[in-house]
């Protein structure tokens, strides 16, 4: 974000379980169970398996194509 811009992102809630949400963050790190990471970029999507907390588990599409967890709050409205 640039100085002066207002962040209009949203979190993923339990009502989003099963939905494919679009990433609005410039970069969003996906943490995999085996300890490796992958990075989604703005415009790529993430299917929520379990939303509603600080971390969201699901499937990262785009250049990742893996299951993992991301920090909540970086999805588009």
PDB file of N, CA and C in Angstrom:
ATOM      1  N   UNK A   1       0.829  -1.188   0.000  1.00  0.00           N
ATOM      2  CA  UNK A   1       0.000   0.000   0.000  1.00  0.00           C
ATOM      3  C   UNK A   1       0.868   1.244   0.000  1.00  0.00           C
ATOM      4  N   UNK A   2       0.324   2.281  -0.545  1.00  0.00           N
ATOM      5  CA  UNK A   2       1.009   3.563  -0.553  1.00  0.00           C
ATOM      6  C   UNK A   2       0.546   4.402   0.621  1.00  0.00           C
ATOM      7  N   UNK A   3       1.368   5.333   1.064  1.00  0.00           N
ATOM      8  CA  UNK A   3       0.943   6.215   2.157  1.00  0.00           C
ATOM      9  C   UNK A   3      -0.372   6.900   1.794  1.00  0.00           C
ATOM     10  N   UNK A   4      -1.281   6.961   2.755  1.00  0.00           N
ATOM     11  CA  UNK A   4      -2.559   7.618   2.530  1.00  0.00           C
ATOM     12  C   UNK A   4      -3.655   6.703   2.028  1.00  0.00           C
ATOM     13  N   UNK A   5      -3.303   5.488   1.566  1.00  0.00           N
ATOM     14  CA  UNK A   5      -4.324   4.546   1.107  1.00  0.00           C
ATOM     15  C   UNK A   5      -5.004   3.907   2.307  1.00  0.00           C
ATOM     16  N   UNK A   6      -6.260   3.571   2.143  1.00  0.00           N
ATOM     17  CA  UNK A   6      -7.024   2.923   3.193  1.00  0.00           C
ATOM     18  C   UNK A   6      -7.178   1.458   2.840  1.00  0.00           C
ATOM     19  N   UNK A   7      -6.840   0.577   3.791  1.00  0.00           N
ATOM     20  CA  UNK A   7      -6.955  -0.867   3.563  1.00  0.00           C
ATOM     21  C   UNK A   7      -8.418  -1.265   3.666  1.00  0.00           C
ATOM     22  N   UNK A   8      -8.947  -1.892   2.622  1.00  0.00           N
ATOM     23  CA  UNK A   8     -10.346  -2.286   2.599  1.00  0.00           C
ATOM     24  C   UNK A   8     -10.485  -3.802   2.555  1.00  0.00           C
ATOM     25  N   UNK A   9      -9.516  -4.513   3.104  1.00  0.00           N
ATOM     26  CA  UNK A   9      -9.568  -5.964   3.117  1.00  0.00           C
ATOM     27  C   UNK A   9     -10.557  -6.484   4.138  1.00  0.00           C
ATOM     28  N   UNK A  10     -10.829  -7.775   4.037  1.00  0.00           N
ATOM     29  CA  UNK A  10     -11.757  -8.409   4.961  1.00  0.00           C
ATOM     30  C   UNK A  10     -11.172  -9.704   5.452  1.00  0.00           C
ATOM     31  N   UNK A  11     -11.697 -10.180   6.556  1.00  0.00           N
ATOM     32  CA  UNK A  11     -11.308 -11.476   7.087  1.00  0.00           C
ATOM     33  C   UNK A  11     -12.205 -12.574   6.543  1.00  0.00           C
ATOM     34  N   UNK A  12     -11.762 -13.801   6.701  1.00  0.00           N
ATOM     35  CA  UNK A  12     -12.565 -14.974   6.339  1.00  0.00           C
ATOM     36  C   UNK A  12     -13.219 -15.501   7.606  1.00  0.00           C
ATOM     37  N   UNK A  13     -14.520 -15.670   7.583  1.00  0.00           N
ATOM     38  CA  UNK A  13     -15.264 -16.126   8.757  1.00  0.00           C
ATOM     39  C   UNK A  13     -15.779 -17.537   8.529  1.00  0.00           C
ATOM     40  N   UNK A  14     -16.329 -18.139   9.538  1.00  0.00           N
ATOM     41  CA  UNK A  14     -16.831 -19.508   9.402  1.00  0.00           C
ATOM     42  C   UNK A  14     -17.905 -19.590   8.315  1.00  0.00           C
ATOM     43  N   UNK A  15     -18.615 -18.502   8.070  1.00  0.00           N
ATOM     44  CA  UNK A  15     -19.608 -18.484   6.997  1.00  0.00           C
ATOM     45  C   UNK A  15     -18.969 -18.526   5.608  1.00  0.00           C
ATOM     46  N   UNK A  16     -17.658 -18.311   5.544  1.00  0.00           N
ATOM     47  CA  UNK A  16     -16.926 -18.390   4.275  1.00  0.00           C
ATOM     48  C   UNK A  16     -16.390 -19.793   3.997  1.00  0.00           C
ATOM     49  N   UNK A  17     -16.542 -20.723   4.932  1.00  0.00           N
ATOM     50  CA  UNK A  17     -16.042 -22.085   4.714  1.00  0.00           C
ATOM     51  C   UNK A  17     -16.609 -22.630   3.408  1.00  0.00           C
ATOM     52  N   UNK A  18     -15.702 -23.138   2.560  1.00  0.00           N
ATOM     53  CA  UNK A  18     -16.090 -23.661   1.256  1.00  0.00           C
ATOM     54  C   UNK A  18     -16.071 -22.627   0.146  1.00  0.00           C
ATOM     55  N   UNK A  19     -15.904 -21.364   0.479  1.00  0.00           N
ATOM     56  CA  UNK A  19     -15.872 -20.306  -0.538  1.00  0.00           C
ATOM     57  C   UNK A  19     -14.446 -20.051  -1.008  1.00  0.00           C
ATOM     58  N   UNK A  20     -14.354 -19.663  -2.261  1.00  0.00           N
ATOM     59  CA  UNK A  20     -13.065 -19.312  -2.853  1.00  0.00           C
ATOM     60  C   UNK A  20     -12.960 -17.796  -2.842  1.00  0.00           C
ATOM     61  N   UNK A  21     -12.063 -17.259  -2.004  1.00  0.00           N
ATOM     62  CA  UNK A  21     -11.910 -15.814  -1.835  1.00  0.00           C
ATOM     63  C   UNK A  21     -10.696 -15.305  -2.608  1.00  0.00           C
ATOM     64  N   UNK A  22     -10.759 -14.053  -3.003  1.00  0.00           N
ATOM     65  CA  UNK A  22      -9.662 -13.411  -3.730  1.00  0.00           C
ATOM     66  C   UNK A  22      -8.740 -12.695  -2.754  1.00  0.00           C
ATOM     67  N   UNK A  23      -7.439 -12.860  -2.959  1.00  0.00           N
ATOM     68  CA  UNK A  23      -6.418 -12.214  -2.128  1.00  0.00           C
ATOM     69  C   UNK A  23      -6.258 -10.767  -2.577  1.00  0.00           C
ATOM     70  N   UNK A  24      -6.309  -9.839  -1.608  1.00  0.00           N
ATOM     71  CA  UNK A  24      -6.102  -8.417  -1.902  1.00  0.00           C
ATOM     72  C   UNK A  24      -4.731  -7.917  -1.470  1.00  0.00           C
ATOM     73  N   UNK A  25      -4.052  -8.670  -0.634  1.00  0.00           N
ATOM     74  CA  UNK A  25      -2.710  -8.283  -0.202  1.00  0.00           C
ATOM     75  C   UNK A  25      -1.740  -8.379  -1.382  1.00  0.00           C
ATOM     76  N   UNK A  26      -0.683  -7.583  -1.366  1.00  0.00           N
ATOM     77  CA  UNK A  26       0.337  -7.693  -2.410  1.00  0.00           C
ATOM     78  C   UNK A  26       0.941  -9.091  -2.403  1.00  0.00           C
ATOM     79  N   UNK A  27       1.232  -9.603  -1.211  1.00  0.00           N
ATOM     80  CA  UNK A  27       1.784 -10.950  -1.024  1.00  0.00           C
ATOM     81  C   UNK A  27       1.130 -11.564   0.201  1.00  0.00           C
ATOM     82  N   UNK A  28       0.780 -12.851   0.122  1.00  0.00           N
ATOM     83  CA  UNK A  28       0.192 -13.559   1.251  1.00  0.00           C
ATOM     84  C   UNK A  28       0.873 -14.922   1.347  1.00  0.00           C
ATOM     85  N   UNK A  29       1.611 -15.144   2.429  1.00  0.00           N
ATOM     86  CA  UNK A  29       2.363 -16.379   2.592  1.00  0.00           C
ATOM     87  C   UNK A  29       1.452 -17.512   3.032  1.00  0.00           C
ATOM     88  N   UNK A  30       1.579 -18.646   2.341  1.00  0.00           N
ATOM     89  CA  UNK A  30       0.852 -19.866   2.680  1.00  0.00           C
ATOM     90  C   UNK A  30       1.828 -20.782   3.416  1.00  0.00           C
ATOM     91  N   UNK A  31       1.462 -21.163   4.642  1.00  0.00           N
ATOM     92  CA  UNK A  31       2.297 -22.045   5.457  1.00  0.00           C
ATOM     93  C   UNK A  31       1.756 -23.460   5.351  1.00  0.00           C
ATOM     94  N   UNK A  32       2.590 -24.389   4.872  1.00  0.00           N
ATOM     95  CA  UNK A  32       2.178 -25.774   4.683  1.00  0.00           C
ATOM     96  C   UNK A  32       2.530 -26.606   5.910  1.00  0.00           C
ATOM     97  N   UNK A  33       1.799 -27.721   6.130  1.00  0.00           N
ATOM     98  CA  UNK A  33       2.063 -28.580   7.291  1.00  0.00           C
ATOM     99  C   UNK A  33       3.494 -29.118   7.357  1.00  0.00           C
ATOM    100  N   UNK A  34       4.148 -29.283   6.193  1.00  0.00           N
ATOM    101  CA  UNK A  34       5.502 -29.822   6.184  1.00  0.00           C
ATOM    102  C   UNK A  34       6.567 -28.763   6.456  1.00  0.00           C
ATOM    103  N   UNK A  35       6.128 -27.516   6.733  1.00  0.00           N
ATOM    104  CA  UNK A  35       7.069 -26.448   7.057  1.00  0.00           C
ATOM    105  C   UNK A  35       7.465 -25.572   5.888  1.00  0.00           C
ATOM    106  N   UNK A  36       7.129 -25.964   4.662  1.00  0.00           N
ATOM    107  CA  UNK A  36       7.470 -25.137   3.507  1.00  0.00           C
ATOM    108  C   UNK A  36       6.437 -24.027   3.339  1.00  0.00           C
ATOM    109  N   UNK A  37       6.765 -23.049   2.525  1.00  0.00           N
ATOM    110  CA  UNK A  37       5.866 -21.932   2.271  1.00  0.00           C
ATOM    111  C   UNK A  37       5.706 -21.698   0.780  1.00  0.00           C
ATOM    112  N   UNK A  38       4.682 -20.960   0.448  1.00  0.00           N
ATOM    113  CA  UNK A  38       4.408 -20.535  -0.923  1.00  0.00           C
ATOM    114  C   UNK A  38       3.786 -19.153  -0.803  1.00  0.00           C
ATOM    115  N   UNK A  39       3.860 -18.344  -1.833  1.00  0.00           N
ATOM    116  CA  UNK A  39       3.323 -16.991  -1.767  1.00  0.00           C
ATOM    117  C   UNK A  39       2.254 -16.766  -2.817  1.00  0.00           C
ATOM    118  N   UNK A  40       1.074 -16.363  -2.351  1.00  0.00           N
ATOM    119  CA  UNK A  40       0.019 -15.911  -3.253  1.00  0.00           C
ATOM    120  C   UNK A  40       0.197 -14.411  -3.461  1.00  0.00           C
ATOM    121  N   UNK A  41      -0.215 -13.912  -4.608  1.00  0.00           N
ATOM    122  CA  UNK A  41      -0.153 -12.484  -4.888  1.00  0.00           C
ATOM    123  C   UNK A  41      -1.569 -11.970  -5.133  1.00  0.00           C
ATOM    124  N   UNK A  42      -1.720 -10.657  -5.092  1.00  0.00           N
ATOM    125  CA  UNK A  42      -3.027 -10.028  -5.268  1.00  0.00           C
ATOM    126  C   UNK A  42      -3.723 -10.562  -6.511  1.00  0.00           C
ATOM    127  N   UNK A  43      -4.998 -10.893  -6.357  1.00  0.00           N
ATOM    128  CA  UNK A  43      -5.799 -11.400  -7.462  1.00  0.00           C
ATOM    129  C   UNK A  43      -5.898 -12.911  -7.508  1.00  0.00           C
ATOM    130  N   UNK A  44      -4.978 -13.614  -6.839  1.00  0.00           N
ATOM    131  CA  UNK A  44      -5.063 -15.067  -6.787  1.00  0.00           C
ATOM    132  C   UNK A  44      -6.085 -15.459  -5.725  1.00  0.00           C
ATOM    133  N   UNK A  45      -6.454 -16.728  -5.678  1.00  0.00           N
ATOM    134  CA  UNK A  45      -7.565 -17.128  -4.817  1.00  0.00           C
ATOM    135  C   UNK A  45      -7.181 -18.197  -3.804  1.00  0.00           C
ATOM    136  N   UNK A  46      -8.035 -18.289  -2.765  1.00  0.00           N
ATOM    137  CA  UNK A  46      -7.818 -19.206  -1.660  1.00  0.00           C
ATOM    138  C   UNK A  46      -9.180 -19.747  -1.239  1.00  0.00           C
ATOM    139  N   UNK A  47      -9.351 -21.074  -1.265  1.00  0.00           N
ATOM    140  CA  UNK A  47     -10.595 -21.693  -0.812  1.00  0.00           C
ATOM    141  C   UNK A  47     -10.502 -21.947   0.681  1.00  0.00           C
ATOM    142  N   UNK A  48     -11.447 -21.391   1.427  1.00  0.00           N
ATOM    143  CA  UNK A  48     -11.448 -21.475   2.887  1.00  0.00           C
ATOM    144  C   UNK A  48     -11.993 -22.828   3.339  1.00  0.00           C
ATOM    145  N   UNK A  49     -11.198 -23.534   4.142  1.00  0.00           N
ATOM    146  CA  UNK A  49     -11.671 -24.763   4.795  1.00  0.00           C
ATOM    147  C   UNK A  49     -12.195 -24.427   6.187  1.00  0.00           C
ATOM    148  N   UNK A  50     -11.479 -23.546   6.893  1.00  0.00           N
ATOM    149  CA  UNK A  50     -11.859 -23.201   8.265  1.00  0.00           C
ATOM    150  C   UNK A  50     -11.475 -21.754   8.539  1.00  0.00           C
ATOM    151  N   UNK A  51     -12.460 -20.864   8.492  1.00  0.00           N
ATOM    152  CA  UNK A  51     -12.221 -19.452   8.737  1.00  0.00           C
ATOM    153  C   UNK A  51     -12.720 -19.053  10.108  1.00  0.00           C
ATOM    154  N   UNK A  52     -12.451 -17.815  10.485  1.00  0.00           N
ATOM    155  CA  UNK A  52     -12.988 -17.278  11.720  1.00  0.00           C
ATOM    156  C   UNK A  52     -11.989 -17.048  12.827  1.00  0.00           C
ATOM    157  N   UNK A  53     -10.723 -17.340  12.587  1.00  0.00           N
ATOM    158  CA  UNK A  53      -9.708 -17.079  13.612  1.00  0.00           C
ATOM    159  C   UNK A  53      -8.567 -16.281  12.987  1.00  0.00           C
ATOM    160  N   UNK A  54      -7.479 -16.136  13.733  1.00  0.00           N
ATOM    161  CA  UNK A  54      -6.336 -15.367  13.232  1.00  0.00           C
ATOM    162  C   UNK A  54      -5.695 -16.026  12.008  1.00  0.00           C
ATOM    163  N   UNK A  55      -5.780 -17.357  11.931  1.00  0.00           N
ATOM    164  CA  UNK A  55      -5.232 -18.115  10.810  1.00  0.00           C
ATOM    165  C   UNK A  55      -6.356 -18.867  10.121  1.00  0.00           C
ATOM    166  N   UNK A  56      -6.278 -18.952   8.801  1.00  0.00           N
ATOM    167  CA  UNK A  56      -7.311 -19.593   7.991  1.00  0.00           C
ATOM    168  C   UNK A  56      -6.687 -20.773   7.250  1.00  0.00           C
ATOM    169  N   UNK A  57      -7.281 -21.943   7.384  1.00  0.00           N
ATOM    170  CA  UNK A  57      -6.787 -23.092   6.626  1.00  0.00           C
ATOM    171  C   UNK A  57      -7.607 -23.228   5.350  1.00  0.00           C
ATOM    172  N   UNK A  58      -6.940 -23.733   4.306  1.00  0.00           N
ATOM    173  CA  UNK A  58      -7.627 -23.885   3.037  1.00  0.00           C
ATOM    174  C   UNK A  58      -6.688 -24.283   1.922  1.00  0.00           C
ATOM    175  N   UNK A  59      -7.152 -24.072   0.681  1.00  0.00           N
ATOM    176  CA  UNK A  59      -6.365 -24.418  -0.499  1.00  0.00           C
ATOM    177  C   UNK A  59      -5.975 -23.149  -1.241  1.00  0.00           C
ATOM    178  N   UNK A  60      -4.677 -22.995  -1.470  1.00  0.00           N
ATOM    179  CA  UNK A  60      -4.138 -21.852  -2.206  1.00  0.00           C
ATOM    180  C   UNK A  60      -4.062 -22.206  -3.681  1.00  0.00           C
ATOM    181  N   UNK A  61      -4.744 -21.452  -4.506  1.00  0.00           N
ATOM    182  CA  UNK A  61      -4.724 -21.666  -5.951  1.00  0.00           C
ATOM    183  C   UNK A  61      -3.604 -20.841  -6.559  1.00  0.00           C
ATOM    184  N   UNK A  62      -3.740 -20.420  -7.784  1.00  0.00           N
ATOM    185  CA  UNK A  62      -2.723 -19.593  -8.429  1.00  0.00           C
ATOM    186  C   UNK A  62      -1.423 -20.348  -8.608  1.00  0.00           C
ATOM    187  N   UNK A  63      -0.315 -19.702  -8.264  1.00  0.00           N
ATOM    188  CA  UNK A  63       0.997 -20.312  -8.472  1.00  0.00           C
ATOM    189  C   UNK A  63       1.359 -21.312  -7.379  1.00  0.00           C
ATOM    190  N   UNK A  64       0.480 -21.505  -6.374  1.00  0.00           N
ATOM    191  CA  UNK A  64       0.785 -22.430  -5.273  1.00  0.00           C
ATOM    192  C   UNK A  64       0.190 -23.812  -5.498  1.00  0.00           C
ATOM    193  N   UNK A  65      -1.131 -23.907  -5.554  1.00  0.00           N
ATOM    194  CA  UNK A  65      -1.795 -25.190  -5.751  1.00  0.00           C
ATOM    195  C   UNK A  65      -1.611 -26.159  -4.591  1.00  0.00           C
ATOM    196  N   UNK A  66      -1.604 -25.637  -3.357  1.00  0.00           N
ATOM    197  CA  UNK A  66      -1.364 -26.472  -2.182  1.00  0.00           C
ATOM    198  C   UNK A  66      -2.334 -26.110  -1.057  1.00  0.00           C
ATOM    199  N   UNK A  67      -2.513 -27.045  -0.112  1.00  0.00           N
ATOM    200  CA  UNK A  67      -3.257 -26.766   1.106  1.00  0.00           C
ATOM    201  C   UNK A  67      -2.312 -26.135   2.125  1.00  0.00           C
ATOM    202  N   UNK A  68      -2.852 -25.262   2.961  1.00  0.00           N
ATOM    203  CA  UNK A  68      -2.043 -24.639   4.004  1.00  0.00           C
ATOM    204  C   UNK A  68      -2.846 -23.633   4.787  1.00  0.00           C
ATOM    205  N   UNK A  69      -2.142 -22.798   5.540  1.00  0.00           N
ATOM    206  CA  UNK A  69      -2.764 -21.758   6.349  1.00  0.00           C
ATOM    207  C   UNK A  69      -2.217 -20.398   5.960  1.00  0.00           C
ATOM    208  N   UNK A  70      -3.089 -19.387   6.022  1.00  0.00           N
ATOM    209  CA  UNK A  70      -2.678 -18.003   5.774  1.00  0.00           C
ATOM    210  C   UNK A  70      -3.170 -17.140   6.930  1.00  0.00           C
ATOM    211  N   UNK A  71      -2.524 -15.992   7.112  1.00  0.00           N
ATOM    212  CA  UNK A  71      -2.987 -15.046   8.108  1.00  0.00           C
ATOM    213  C   UNK A  71      -4.305 -14.445   7.632  1.00  0.00           C
ATOM    214  N   UNK A  72      -5.251 -14.331   8.541  1.00  0.00           N
ATOM    215  CA  UNK A  72      -6.572 -13.826   8.191  1.00  0.00           C
ATOM    216  C   UNK A  72      -6.561 -12.315   7.996  1.00  0.00           C
ATOM    217  N   UNK A  73      -7.493 -11.810   7.199  1.00  0.00           N
ATOM    218  CA  UNK A  73      -7.686 -10.373   7.047  1.00  0.00           C
ATOM    219  C   UNK A  73      -7.202  -9.792   5.739  1.00  0.00           C
ATOM    220  N   UNK A  74      -6.750 -10.629   4.799  1.00  0.00           N
ATOM    221  CA  UNK A  74      -6.128 -10.131   3.579  1.00  0.00           C
ATOM    222  C   UNK A  74      -6.904 -10.484   2.321  1.00  0.00           C
ATOM    223  N   UNK A  75      -8.232 -10.635   2.470  1.00  0.00           N
ATOM    224  CA  UNK A  75      -9.067 -10.986   1.322  1.00  0.00           C
ATOM    225  C   UNK A  75      -9.876  -9.769   0.879  1.00  0.00           C
ATOM    226  N   UNK A  76     -10.290  -9.776  -0.378  1.00  0.00           N
ATOM    227  CA  UNK A  76     -11.081  -8.657  -0.927  1.00  0.00           C
ATOM    228  C   UNK A  76     -12.542  -8.778  -0.499  1.00  0.00           C
ATOM    229  N   UNK A  77     -13.214  -7.636  -0.454  1.00  0.00           N
ATOM    230  CA  UNK A  77     -14.662  -7.606  -0.240  1.00  0.00           C
ATOM    231  C   UNK A  77     -15.343  -7.994  -1.522  1.00  0.00           C
TER     232      UNK A  77
END
